[in-house]
Amino acid sequence: MLPIKGNHPEINILYIGAQILKKLNDRKNKRIKTTLLFKTLSKELSVSIDHIILALDWLYIISAINYNDTEVFINEAK
């Protein structure tokens, strides 16, 4: 279970994960370069790269996203 009480929603990995999925879904090819993702989210959400990495880890664990050497992308359902 992920903690949802007692911390600010904007630094909650569920919230950050939702923002990552929204950003990926808004893109035509459903992909984004990791460097661009880190740069834009840290600026837009005022969160550290550590929080973004935790959210990416969580999304990967639940099979919502996948990655290659340079990009993060939505994991297509088969």
PDB file of N, CA and C in Angstrom:
ATOM      1  N   MET A   1       0.841  -1.172   0.000  1.00  0.00           N
ATOM      2  CA  MET A   1       0.000   0.000   0.000  1.00  0.00           C
ATOM      3  C   MET A   1       0.891   1.242   0.000  1.00  0.00           C
ATOM      4  N   LEU A   2       0.474   2.233  -0.756  1.00  0.00           N
ATOM      5  CA  LEU A   2       1.209   3.477  -0.831  1.00  0.00           C
ATOM      6  C   LEU A   2       0.602   4.502   0.120  1.00  0.00           C
ATOM      7  N   PRO A   3       1.455   5.247   0.814  1.00  0.00           N
ATOM      8  CA  PRO A   3       0.918   6.248   1.744  1.00  0.00           C
ATOM      9  C   PRO A   3       0.250   7.389   0.989  1.00  0.00           C
ATOM     10  N   ILE A   4      -0.965   7.717   1.392  1.00  0.00           N
ATOM     11  CA  ILE A   4      -1.664   8.832   0.755  1.00  0.00           C
ATOM     12  C   ILE A   4      -2.037   9.919   1.767  1.00  0.00           C
ATOM     13  N   LYS A   5      -1.856   9.643   3.039  1.00  0.00           N
ATOM     14  CA  LYS A   5      -2.171  10.636   4.064  1.00  0.00           C
ATOM     15  C   LYS A   5      -0.876  11.115   4.710  1.00  0.00           C
ATOM     16  N   GLY A   6      -0.908  12.345   5.149  1.00  0.00           N
ATOM     17  CA  GLY A   6       0.226  12.858   5.888  1.00  0.00           C
ATOM     18  C   GLY A   6       1.327  13.466   5.045  1.00  0.00           C
ATOM     19  N   ASN A   7       1.116  13.567   3.742  1.00  0.00           N
ATOM     20  CA  ASN A   7       2.097  14.274   2.926  1.00  0.00           C
ATOM     21  C   ASN A   7       1.364  15.131   1.906  1.00  0.00           C
ATOM     22  N   HIS A   8       2.092  16.033   1.326  1.00  0.00           N
ATOM     23  CA  HIS A   8       1.501  16.951   0.360  1.00  0.00           C
ATOM     24  C   HIS A   8       1.157  16.209  -0.921  1.00  0.00           C
ATOM     25  N   PRO A   9      -0.026  16.432  -1.469  1.00  0.00           N
ATOM     26  CA  PRO A   9      -0.437  15.715  -2.684  1.00  0.00           C
ATOM     27  C   PRO A   9       0.519  15.932  -3.854  1.00  0.00           C
ATOM     28  N   GLU A  10       1.111  17.108  -3.935  1.00  0.00           N
ATOM     29  CA  GLU A  10       1.978  17.394  -5.068  1.00  0.00           C
ATOM     30  C   GLU A  10       3.312  16.649  -5.017  1.00  0.00           C
ATOM     31  N   ILE A  11       3.671  16.070  -3.861  1.00  0.00           N
ATOM     32  CA  ILE A  11       4.882  15.244  -3.819  1.00  0.00           C
ATOM     33  C   ILE A  11       4.562  13.774  -3.600  1.00  0.00           C
ATOM     34  N   ASN A  12       3.298  13.416  -3.720  1.00  0.00           N
ATOM     35  CA  ASN A  12       2.868  12.033  -3.606  1.00  0.00           C
ATOM     36  C   ASN A  12       3.165  11.321  -4.923  1.00  0.00           C
ATOM     37  N   ILE A  13       3.743  10.125  -4.867  1.00  0.00           N
ATOM     38  CA  ILE A  13       4.118   9.448  -6.113  1.00  0.00           C
ATOM     39  C   ILE A  13       2.897   9.058  -6.942  1.00  0.00           C
ATOM     40  N   LEU A  14       1.746   8.902  -6.322  1.00  0.00           N
ATOM     41  CA  LEU A  14       0.529   8.635  -7.096  1.00  0.00           C
ATOM     42  C   LEU A  14       0.182   9.846  -7.959  1.00  0.00           C
ATOM     43  N   TYR A  15       0.285  11.025  -7.379  1.00  0.00           N
ATOM     44  CA  TYR A  15      -0.005  12.257  -8.114  1.00  0.00           C
ATOM     45  C   TYR A  15       1.026  12.468  -9.218  1.00  0.00           C
ATOM     46  N   ILE A  16       2.290  12.302  -8.890  1.00  0.00           N
ATOM     47  CA  ILE A  16       3.351  12.487  -9.883  1.00  0.00           C
ATOM     48  C   ILE A  16       3.212  11.443 -10.991  1.00  0.00           C
ATOM     49  N   GLY A  17       2.894  10.208 -10.621  1.00  0.00           N
ATOM     50  CA  GLY A  17       2.679   9.164 -11.612  1.00  0.00           C
ATOM     51  C   GLY A  17       1.537   9.504 -12.553  1.00  0.00           C
ATOM     52  N   ALA A  18       0.467  10.051 -12.011  1.00  0.00           N
ATOM     53  CA  ALA A  18      -0.663  10.464 -12.846  1.00  0.00           C
ATOM     54  C   ALA A  18      -0.246  11.570 -13.806  1.00  0.00           C
ATOM     55  N   GLN A  19       0.585  12.486 -13.342  1.00  0.00           N
ATOM     56  CA  GLN A  19       1.066  13.559 -14.209  1.00  0.00           C
ATOM     57  C   GLN A  19       1.959  13.014 -15.329  1.00  0.00           C
ATOM     58  N   ILE A  20       2.768  12.012 -14.995  1.00  0.00           N
ATOM     59  CA  ILE A  20       3.620  11.369 -16.012  1.00  0.00           C
ATOM     60  C   ILE A  20       2.744  10.705 -17.069  1.00  0.00           C
ATOM     61  N   LEU A  21       1.735   9.949 -16.640  1.00  0.00           N
ATOM     62  CA  LEU A  21       0.839   9.288 -17.590  1.00  0.00           C
ATOM     63  C   LEU A  21       0.084  10.299 -18.446  1.00  0.00           C
ATOM     64  N   LYS A  22      -0.341  11.402 -17.844  1.00  0.00           N
ATOM     65  CA  LYS A  22      -1.027  12.450 -18.595  1.00  0.00           C
ATOM     66  C   LYS A  22      -0.107  13.036 -19.647  1.00  0.00           C
ATOM     67  N   LYS A  23       1.126  13.313 -19.258  1.00  0.00           N
ATOM     68  CA  LYS A  23       2.095  13.879 -20.192  1.00  0.00           C
ATOM     69  C   LYS A  23       2.360  12.910 -21.345  1.00  0.00           C
ATOM     70  N   LEU A  24       2.498  11.620 -21.042  1.00  0.00           N
ATOM     71  CA  LEU A  24       2.714  10.621 -22.086  1.00  0.00           C
ATOM     72  C   LEU A  24       1.490  10.482 -22.981  1.00  0.00           C
ATOM     73  N   ASN A  25       0.319  10.484 -22.389  1.00  0.00           N
ATOM     74  CA  ASN A  25      -0.913  10.321 -23.150  1.00  0.00           C
ATOM     75  C   ASN A  25      -1.180  11.509 -24.069  1.00  0.00           C
ATOM     76  N   ASP A  26      -0.737  12.693 -23.678  1.00  0.00           N
ATOM     77  CA  ASP A  26      -0.933  13.893 -24.489  1.00  0.00           C
ATOM     78  C   ASP A  26      -0.036  13.918 -25.728  1.00  0.00           C
ATOM     79  N   ARG A  27       1.002  13.102 -25.721  1.00  0.00           N
ATOM     80  CA  ARG A  27       1.932  13.074 -26.855  1.00  0.00           C
ATOM     81  C   ARG A  27       1.408  12.142 -27.938  1.00  0.00           C
ATOM     82  N   LYS A  28       1.645  12.511 -29.165  1.00  0.00           N
ATOM     83  CA  LYS A  28       1.132  11.743 -30.302  1.00  0.00           C
ATOM     84  C   LYS A  28       1.626  10.295 -30.294  1.00  0.00           C
ATOM     85  N   ASN A  29       2.917  10.082 -30.057  1.00  0.00           N
ATOM     86  CA  ASN A  29       3.474   8.729 -30.099  1.00  0.00           C
ATOM     87  C   ASN A  29       3.546   8.068 -28.721  1.00  0.00           C
ATOM     88  N   LYS A  30       3.010   8.740 -27.695  1.00  0.00           N
ATOM     89  CA  LYS A  30       2.960   8.210 -26.319  1.00  0.00           C
ATOM     90  C   LYS A  30       4.344   7.926 -25.745  1.00  0.00           C
ATOM     91  N   ARG A  31       5.354   8.674 -26.212  1.00  0.00           N
ATOM     92  CA  ARG A  31       6.733   8.524 -25.747  1.00  0.00           C
ATOM     93  C   ARG A  31       7.296   9.895 -25.381  1.00  0.00           C
ATOM     94  N   ILE A  32       8.283   9.873 -24.470  1.00  0.00           N
ATOM     95  CA  ILE A  32       8.985  11.113 -24.128  1.00  0.00           C
ATOM     96  C   ILE A  32      10.409  10.761 -23.710  1.00  0.00           C
ATOM     97  N   LYS A  33      11.337  11.598 -24.090  1.00  0.00           N
ATOM     98  CA  LYS A  33      12.723  11.397 -23.667  1.00  0.00           C
ATOM     99  C   LYS A  33      12.808  11.626 -22.168  1.00  0.00           C
ATOM    100  N   THR A  34      13.588  10.785 -21.510  1.00  0.00           N
ATOM    101  CA  THR A  34      13.682  10.875 -20.049  1.00  0.00           C
ATOM    102  C   THR A  34      14.221  12.226 -19.600  1.00  0.00           C
ATOM    103  N   THR A  35      15.192  12.759 -20.324  1.00  0.00           N
ATOM    104  CA  THR A  35      15.751  14.059 -19.932  1.00  0.00           C
ATOM    105  C   THR A  35      14.699  15.153 -20.015  1.00  0.00           C
ATOM    106  N   LEU A  36      13.870  15.123 -21.048  1.00  0.00           N
ATOM    107  CA  LEU A  36      12.805  16.114 -21.185  1.00  0.00           C
ATOM    108  C   LEU A  36      11.752  15.923 -20.093  1.00  0.00           C
ATOM    109  N   LEU A  37      11.429  14.687 -19.779  1.00  0.00           N
ATOM    110  CA  LEU A  37      10.462  14.401 -18.716  1.00  0.00           C
ATOM    111  C   LEU A  37      10.953  14.939 -17.377  1.00  0.00           C
ATOM    112  N   PHE A  38      12.202  14.656 -17.033  1.00  0.00           N
ATOM    113  CA  PHE A  38      12.762  15.160 -15.773  1.00  0.00           C
ATOM    114  C   PHE A  38      12.761  16.679 -15.741  1.00  0.00           C
ATOM    115  N   LYS A  39      13.168  17.289 -16.831  1.00  0.00           N
ATOM    116  CA  LYS A  39      13.276  18.748 -16.896  1.00  0.00           C
ATOM    117  C   LYS A  39      11.903  19.407 -16.745  1.00  0.00           C
ATOM    118  N   THR A  40      10.915  18.935 -17.503  1.00  0.00           N
ATOM    119  CA  THR A  40       9.604  19.583 -17.462  1.00  0.00           C
ATOM    120  C   THR A  40       8.856  19.317 -16.159  1.00  0.00           C
ATOM    121  N   LEU A  41       8.880  18.069 -15.686  1.00  0.00           N
ATOM    122  CA  LEU A  41       8.140  17.771 -14.451  1.00  0.00           C
ATOM    123  C   LEU A  41       8.755  18.436 -13.234  1.00  0.00           C
ATOM    124  N   SER A  42      10.080  18.454 -13.155  1.00  0.00           N
ATOM    125  CA  SER A  42      10.690  19.096 -11.984  1.00  0.00           C
ATOM    126  C   SER A  42      10.374  20.584 -11.957  1.00  0.00           C
ATOM    127  N   LYS A  43      10.243  21.189 -13.129  1.00  0.00           N
ATOM    128  CA  LYS A  43       9.904  22.606 -13.202  1.00  0.00           C
ATOM    129  C   LYS A  43       8.410  22.832 -12.957  1.00  0.00           C
ATOM    130  N   GLU A  44       7.546  22.058 -13.627  1.00  0.00           N
ATOM    131  CA  GLU A  44       6.096  22.239 -13.517  1.00  0.00           C
ATOM    132  C   GLU A  44       5.564  21.890 -12.129  1.00  0.00           C
ATOM    133  N   LEU A  45       6.080  20.814 -11.533  1.00  0.00           N
ATOM    134  CA  LEU A  45       5.562  20.353 -10.249  1.00  0.00           C
ATOM    135  C   LEU A  45       6.409  20.784  -9.059  1.00  0.00           C
ATOM    136  N   SER A  46       7.554  21.368  -9.321  1.00  0.00           N
ATOM    137  CA  SER A  46       8.495  21.753  -8.268  1.00  0.00           C
ATOM    138  C   SER A  46       8.841  20.567  -7.376  1.00  0.00           C
ATOM    139  N   VAL A  47       9.184  19.454  -7.991  1.00  0.00           N
ATOM    140  CA  VAL A  47       9.591  18.251  -7.266  1.00  0.00           C
ATOM    141  C   VAL A  47      11.001  17.869  -7.687  1.00  0.00           C
ATOM    142  N   SER A  48      11.639  17.084  -6.841  1.00  0.00           N
ATOM    143  CA  SER A  48      12.993  16.646  -7.156  1.00  0.00           C
ATOM    144  C   SER A  48      12.950  15.475  -8.129  1.00  0.00           C
ATOM    145  N   ILE A  49      14.077  15.232  -8.742  1.00  0.00           N
ATOM    146  CA  ILE A  49      14.206  14.098  -9.655  1.00  0.00           C
ATOM    147  C   ILE A  49      13.985  12.794  -8.885  1.00  0.00           C
ATOM    148  N   ASP A  50      14.342  12.768  -7.608  1.00  0.00           N
ATOM    149  CA  ASP A  50      14.112  11.576  -6.785  1.00  0.00           C
ATOM    150  C   ASP A  50      12.630  11.193  -6.745  1.00  0.00           C
ATOM    151  N   HIS A  51      11.754  12.184  -6.591  1.00  0.00           N
ATOM    152  CA  HIS A  51      10.321  11.912  -6.574  1.00  0.00           C
ATOM    153  C   HIS A  51       9.840  11.410  -7.930  1.00  0.00           C
ATOM    154  N   ILE A  52      10.377  11.976  -8.994  1.00  0.00           N
ATOM    155  CA  ILE A  52       9.998  11.546 -10.342  1.00  0.00           C
ATOM    156  C   ILE A  52      10.453  10.108 -10.576  1.00  0.00           C
ATOM    157  N   ILE A  53      11.654   9.784 -10.135  1.00  0.00           N
ATOM    158  CA  ILE A  53      12.172   8.416 -10.294  1.00  0.00           C
ATOM    159  C   ILE A  53      11.316   7.425  -9.506  1.00  0.00           C
ATOM    160  N   LEU A  54      10.920   7.788  -8.284  1.00  0.00           N
ATOM    161  CA  LEU A  54      10.043   6.910  -7.498  1.00  0.00           C
ATOM    162  C   LEU A  54       8.716   6.675  -8.219  1.00  0.00           C
ATOM    163  N   ALA A  55       8.157   7.734  -8.798  1.00  0.00           N
ATOM    164  CA  ALA A  55       6.903   7.590  -9.529  1.00  0.00           C
ATOM    165  C   ALA A  55       7.096   6.725 -10.773  1.00  0.00           C
ATOM    166  N   LEU A  56       8.213   6.907 -11.471  1.00  0.00           N
ATOM    167  CA  LEU A  56       8.510   6.073 -12.640  1.00  0.00           C
ATOM    168  C   LEU A  56       8.684   4.614 -12.240  1.00  0.00           C
ATOM    169  N   ASP A  57       9.355   4.372 -11.125  1.00  0.00           N
ATOM    170  CA  ASP A  57       9.515   3.002 -10.620  1.00  0.00           C
ATOM    171  C   ASP A  57       8.158   2.373 -10.342  1.00  0.00           C
ATOM    172  N   TRP A  58       7.287   3.114  -9.689  1.00  0.00           N
ATOM    173  CA  TRP A  58       5.964   2.612  -9.362  1.00  0.00           C
ATOM    174  C   TRP A  58       5.179   2.291 -10.636  1.00  0.00           C
ATOM    175  N   LEU A  59       5.228   3.206 -11.619  1.00  0.00           N
ATOM    176  CA  LEU A  59       4.516   2.971 -12.880  1.00  0.00           C
ATOM    177  C   LEU A  59       5.073   1.755 -13.615  1.00  0.00           C
ATOM    178  N   TYR A  60       6.372   1.558 -13.545  1.00  0.00           N
ATOM    179  CA  TYR A  60       6.989   0.397 -14.186  1.00  0.00           C
ATOM    180  C   TYR A  60       6.579  -0.897 -13.474  1.00  0.00           C
ATOM    181  N   ILE A  61       6.569  -0.861 -12.155  1.00  0.00           N
ATOM    182  CA  ILE A  61       6.199  -2.049 -11.372  1.00  0.00           C
ATOM    183  C   ILE A  61       4.767  -2.487 -11.674  1.00  0.00           C
ATOM    184  N   ILE A  62       3.868  -1.547 -11.859  1.00  0.00           N
ATOM    185  CA  ILE A  62       2.476  -1.912 -12.154  1.00  0.00           C
ATOM    186  C   ILE A  62       2.248  -2.084 -13.653  1.00  0.00           C
ATOM    187  N   SER A  63       3.313  -2.086 -14.433  1.00  0.00           N
ATOM    188  CA  SER A  63       3.283  -2.312 -15.887  1.00  0.00           C
ATOM    189  C   SER A  63       2.523  -1.241 -16.660  1.00  0.00           C
ATOM    190  N   ALA A  64       2.483  -0.029 -16.152  1.00  0.00           N
ATOM    191  CA  ALA A  64       1.834   1.072 -16.863  1.00  0.00           C
ATOM    192  C   ALA A  64       2.763   1.683 -17.907  1.00  0.00           C
ATOM    193  N   ILE A  65       4.070   1.631 -17.641  1.00  0.00           N
ATOM    194  CA  ILE A  65       5.043   2.197 -18.570  1.00  0.00           C
ATOM    195  C   ILE A  65       6.155   1.195 -18.830  1.00  0.00           C
ATOM    196  N   ASN A  66       6.931   1.518 -19.838  1.00  0.00           N
ATOM    197  CA  ASN A  66       8.141   0.781 -20.132  1.00  0.00           C
ATOM    198  C   ASN A  66       9.179   1.805 -20.553  1.00  0.00           C
ATOM    199  N   TYR A  67      10.383   1.365 -20.801  1.00  0.00           N
ATOM    200  CA  TYR A  67      11.436   2.299 -21.164  1.00  0.00           C
ATOM    201  C   TYR A  67      12.464   1.603 -22.036  1.00  0.00           C
ATOM    202  N   ASN A  68      13.242   2.425 -22.729  1.00  0.00           N
ATOM    203  CA  ASN A  68      14.438   1.930 -23.403  1.00  0.00           C
ATOM    204  C   ASN A  68      15.581   2.834 -22.964  1.00  0.00           C
ATOM    205  N   ASP A  69      16.651   2.872 -23.700  1.00  0.00           N
ATOM    206  CA  ASP A  69      17.826   3.635 -23.265  1.00  0.00           C
ATOM    207  C   ASP A  69      17.564   5.124 -23.066  1.00  0.00           C
ATOM    208  N   THR A  70      16.671   5.703 -23.856  1.00  0.00           N
ATOM    209  CA  THR A  70      16.494   7.148 -23.804  1.00  0.00           C
ATOM    210  C   THR A  70      15.064   7.618 -23.600  1.00  0.00           C
ATOM    211  N   GLU A  71      14.081   6.719 -23.684  1.00  0.00           N
ATOM    212  CA  GLU A  71      12.687   7.139 -23.645  1.00  0.00           C
ATOM    213  C   GLU A  71      11.857   6.340 -22.646  1.00  0.00           C
ATOM    214  N   VAL A  72      10.806   7.008 -22.192  1.00  0.00           N
ATOM    215  CA  VAL A  72       9.784   6.360 -21.385  1.00  0.00           C
ATOM    216  C   VAL A  72       8.535   6.334 -22.259  1.00  0.00           C
ATOM    217  N   PHE A  73       7.802   5.232 -22.234  1.00  0.00           N
ATOM    218  CA  PHE A  73       6.602   5.160 -23.062  1.00  0.00           C
ATOM    219  C   PHE A  73       5.523   4.325 -22.369  1.00  0.00           C
ATOM    220  N   ILE A  74       4.286   4.586 -22.787  1.00  0.00           N
ATOM    221  CA  ILE A  74       3.133   3.862 -22.222  1.00  0.00           C
ATOM    222  C   ILE A  74       3.223   2.411 -22.681  1.00  0.00           C
ATOM    223  N   ASN A  75       3.012   1.525 -21.741  1.00  0.00           N
ATOM    224  CA  ASN A  75       3.036   0.092 -22.021  1.00  0.00           C
ATOM    225  C   ASN A  75       1.698  -0.277 -22.664  1.00  0.00           C
ATOM    226  N   GLU A  76       1.744  -0.664 -23.920  1.00  0.00           N
ATOM    227  CA  GLU A  76       0.523  -1.011 -24.653  1.00  0.00           C
ATOM    228  C   GLU A  76      -0.029  -2.344 -24.154  1.00  0.00           C
ATOM    229  N   ALA A  77      -1.334  -2.398 -23.959  1.00  0.00           N
ATOM    230  CA  ALA A  77      -1.993  -3.636 -23.552  1.00  0.00           C
ATOM    231  C   ALA A  77      -1.995  -4.614 -24.723  1.00  0.00           C
ATOM    232  N   LYS A  78      -1.780  -5.869 -24.402  1.00  0.00           N
ATOM    233  CA  LYS A  78      -1.723  -6.869 -25.461  1.00  0.00           C
ATOM    234  C   LYS A  78      -2.957  -7.714 -25.466  1.00  0.00           C
TER     235      LYS A  78
END
